[in-house]
Amino acid sequence: MLADMLGGWEIVLILTIVLILFGAKNLPAFGERTRGGRDERRKALREAIEKAISDRPSQETEEVPTGRFLMWVAITLGVVCFVLVLSQLSR
């Protein structure tokens, strides 16, 4: 996405400024620090995902709707459908 906003000359200019500011000797060390931080963030994200998955309750403990609740839902939907059909027929 950044390449769409910047043309070739702008990228060359930015790279030249970075080279002047940090120097050729410091660029590899800067890259290693950046890469190390990226690896640490990935590791932390992976650990957070694994912890969230392990903390999630198992599906066996989830409540299953009772027959009475399902009967109430079915009757309610039936009544709603009946009222909609009657309103369409009365037009």
C-alpha atoms as a PDB file:
ATOM      1  CA  MET A   1       0.000   0.000   0.000  1.00  0.00           C
ATOM      2  CA  LEU A   2       2.884   2.351   0.751  1.00  0.00           C
ATOM      3  CA  ALA A   3       4.390   1.655  -2.663  1.00  0.00           C
ATOM      4  CA  ASP A   4       1.149   2.835  -4.282  1.00  0.00           C
ATOM      5  CA  MET A   5       1.459   6.232  -2.620  1.00  0.00           C
ATOM      6  CA  LEU A   6       5.185   6.704  -3.222  1.00  0.00           C
ATOM      7  CA  GLY A   7       6.864   6.726  -6.590  1.00  0.00           C
ATOM      8  CA  GLY A   8      10.301   5.368  -7.423  1.00  0.00           C
ATOM      9  CA  TRP A   9      12.173   8.615  -6.822  1.00  0.00           C
ATOM     10  CA  GLU A  10      10.512   9.203  -3.452  1.00  0.00           C
ATOM     11  CA  ILE A  11      11.602   5.746  -2.248  1.00  0.00           C
ATOM     12  CA  VAL A  12      15.157   6.353  -3.470  1.00  0.00           C
ATOM     13  CA  LEU A  13      15.191   9.705  -1.648  1.00  0.00           C
ATOM     14  CA  ILE A  14      13.959   8.159   1.606  1.00  0.00           C
ATOM     15  CA  LEU A  15      16.545   5.358   1.405  1.00  0.00           C
ATOM     16  CA  THR A  16      19.298   7.904   0.757  1.00  0.00           C
ATOM     17  CA  ILE A  17      18.271   9.961   3.789  1.00  0.00           C
ATOM     18  CA  VAL A  18      18.207   6.812   5.951  1.00  0.00           C
ATOM     19  CA  LEU A  19      21.667   5.867   4.687  1.00  0.00           C
ATOM     20  CA  ILE A  20      23.001   9.343   5.490  1.00  0.00           C
ATOM     21  CA  LEU A  21      21.418   9.427   8.971  1.00  0.00           C
ATOM     22  CA  PHE A  22      22.388   5.950  10.154  1.00  0.00           C
ATOM     23  CA  GLY A  23      25.500   5.307   8.083  1.00  0.00           C
ATOM     24  CA  ALA A  24      26.384   2.171   6.166  1.00  0.00           C
ATOM     25  CA  LYS A  25      27.990   0.491   9.187  1.00  0.00           C
ATOM     26  CA  ASN A  26      24.955   0.876  11.431  1.00  0.00           C
ATOM     27  CA  LEU A  27      22.301  -0.349   8.974  1.00  0.00           C
ATOM     28  CA  PRO A  28      22.879  -4.110   9.537  1.00  0.00           C
ATOM     29  CA  ALA A  29      22.629  -3.656  13.315  1.00  0.00           C
ATOM     30  CA  PHE A  30      19.471  -1.578  12.873  1.00  0.00           C
ATOM     31  CA  GLY A  31      17.986  -4.370  10.731  1.00  0.00           C
ATOM     32  CA  GLU A  32      18.839  -6.993  13.350  1.00  0.00           C
ATOM     33  CA  ARG A  33      17.181  -4.961  16.112  1.00  0.00           C
ATOM     34  CA  THR A  34      14.096  -4.468  13.980  1.00  0.00           C
ATOM     35  CA  ARG A  35      13.944  -8.156  13.093  1.00  0.00           C
ATOM     36  CA  GLY A  36      14.421  -9.128  16.751  1.00  0.00           C
ATOM     37  CA  GLY A  37      11.514  -6.938  17.812  1.00  0.00           C
ATOM     38  CA  ARG A  38       9.335  -8.438  15.105  1.00  0.00           C
ATOM     39  CA  ASP A  39      10.190 -11.955  16.272  1.00  0.00           C
ATOM     40  CA  GLU A  40       9.355 -11.036  19.872  1.00  0.00           C
ATOM     41  CA  ARG A  41       5.979  -9.608  18.826  1.00  0.00           C
ATOM     42  CA  ARG A  42       5.185 -12.760  16.840  1.00  0.00           C
ATOM     43  CA  LYS A  43       6.134 -14.957  19.796  1.00  0.00           C
ATOM     44  CA  ALA A  44       3.989 -12.890  22.174  1.00  0.00           C
ATOM     45  CA  LEU A  45       1.054 -13.017  19.766  1.00  0.00           C
ATOM     46  CA  ARG A  46       1.408 -16.775  19.368  1.00  0.00           C
ATOM     47  CA  GLU A  47       1.491 -17.235  23.160  1.00  0.00           C
ATOM     48  CA  ALA A  48      -1.569 -14.999  23.602  1.00  0.00           C
ATOM     49  CA  ILE A  49      -3.519 -16.990  21.018  1.00  0.00           C
ATOM     50  CA  GLU A  50      -2.555 -20.298  22.627  1.00  0.00           C
ATOM     51  CA  LYS A  51      -3.569 -18.970  26.054  1.00  0.00           C
ATOM     52  CA  ALA A  52      -6.918 -17.720  24.724  1.00  0.00           C
ATOM     53  CA  ILE A  53      -7.601 -21.104  23.136  1.00  0.00           C
ATOM     54  CA  SER A  54      -6.650 -23.003  26.286  1.00  0.00           C
ATOM     55  CA  ASP A  55      -8.776 -20.696  28.502  1.00  0.00           C
ATOM     56  CA  ARG A  56     -11.821 -21.155  26.307  1.00  0.00           C
ATOM     57  CA  PRO A  57     -14.401 -23.431  27.920  1.00  0.00           C
ATOM     58  CA  SER A  58     -14.855 -26.757  26.245  1.00  0.00           C
ATOM     59  CA  GLN A  59     -17.954 -27.401  24.201  1.00  0.00           C
ATOM     60  CA  GLU A  60     -19.108 -30.053  26.647  1.00  0.00           C
ATOM     61  CA  THR A  61     -19.841 -27.445  29.313  1.00  0.00           C
ATOM     62  CA  GLU A  62     -21.995 -25.263  27.068  1.00  0.00           C
ATOM     63  CA  GLU A  63     -25.673 -25.187  27.893  1.00  0.00           C
ATOM     64  CA  VAL A  64     -27.939 -26.948  25.452  1.00  0.00           C
ATOM     65  CA  PRO A  65     -31.356 -25.367  24.911  1.00  0.00           C
ATOM     66  CA  THR A  66     -34.069 -27.340  26.625  1.00  0.00           C
ATOM     67  CA  GLY A  67     -37.057 -28.770  24.832  1.00  0.00           C
ATOM     68  CA  ARG A  68     -39.333 -26.275  26.535  1.00  0.00           C
ATOM     69  CA  PHE A  69     -37.324 -23.309  25.227  1.00  0.00           C
ATOM     70  CA  LEU A  70     -37.277 -24.739  21.704  1.00  0.00           C
ATOM     71  CA  MET A  71     -41.037 -25.266  21.835  1.00  0.00           C
ATOM     72  CA  TRP A  72     -41.520 -21.619  22.875  1.00  0.00           C
ATOM     73  CA  VAL A  73     -39.343 -20.436  19.959  1.00  0.00           C
ATOM     74  CA  ALA A  74     -41.258 -22.612  17.488  1.00  0.00           C
ATOM     75  CA  ILE A  75     -44.644 -21.357  18.690  1.00  0.00           C
ATOM     76  CA  THR A  76     -43.481 -17.724  18.569  1.00  0.00           C
ATOM     77  CA  LEU A  77     -42.182 -18.114  15.017  1.00  0.00           C
ATOM     78  CA  GLY A  78     -45.418 -19.843  14.006  1.00  0.00           C
ATOM     79  CA  VAL A  79     -47.510 -16.987  15.391  1.00  0.00           C
ATOM     80  CA  VAL A  80     -45.341 -14.378  13.657  1.00  0.00           C
ATOM     81  CA  CYS A  81     -45.614 -16.202  10.323  1.00  0.00           C
ATOM     82  CA  PHE A  82     -49.383 -16.549  10.752  1.00  0.00           C
ATOM     83  CA  VAL A  83     -49.764 -12.820  11.434  1.00  0.00           C
ATOM     84  CA  LEU A  84     -47.637 -11.947   8.378  1.00  0.00           C
ATOM     85  CA  VAL A  85     -49.703 -14.218   6.135  1.00  0.00           C
ATOM     86  CA  LEU A  86     -52.958 -12.705   7.423  1.00  0.00           C
ATOM     87  CA  SER A  87     -51.633  -9.170   6.845  1.00  0.00           C
ATOM     88  CA  GLN A  88     -50.681 -10.037   3.251  1.00  0.00           C
ATOM     89  CA  LEU A  89     -54.060 -11.678   2.553  1.00  0.00           C
ATOM     90  CA  SER A  90     -55.997  -8.710   3.914  1.00  0.00           C
ATOM     91  CA  ARG A  91     -54.479  -6.317   1.372  1.00  0.00           C
END
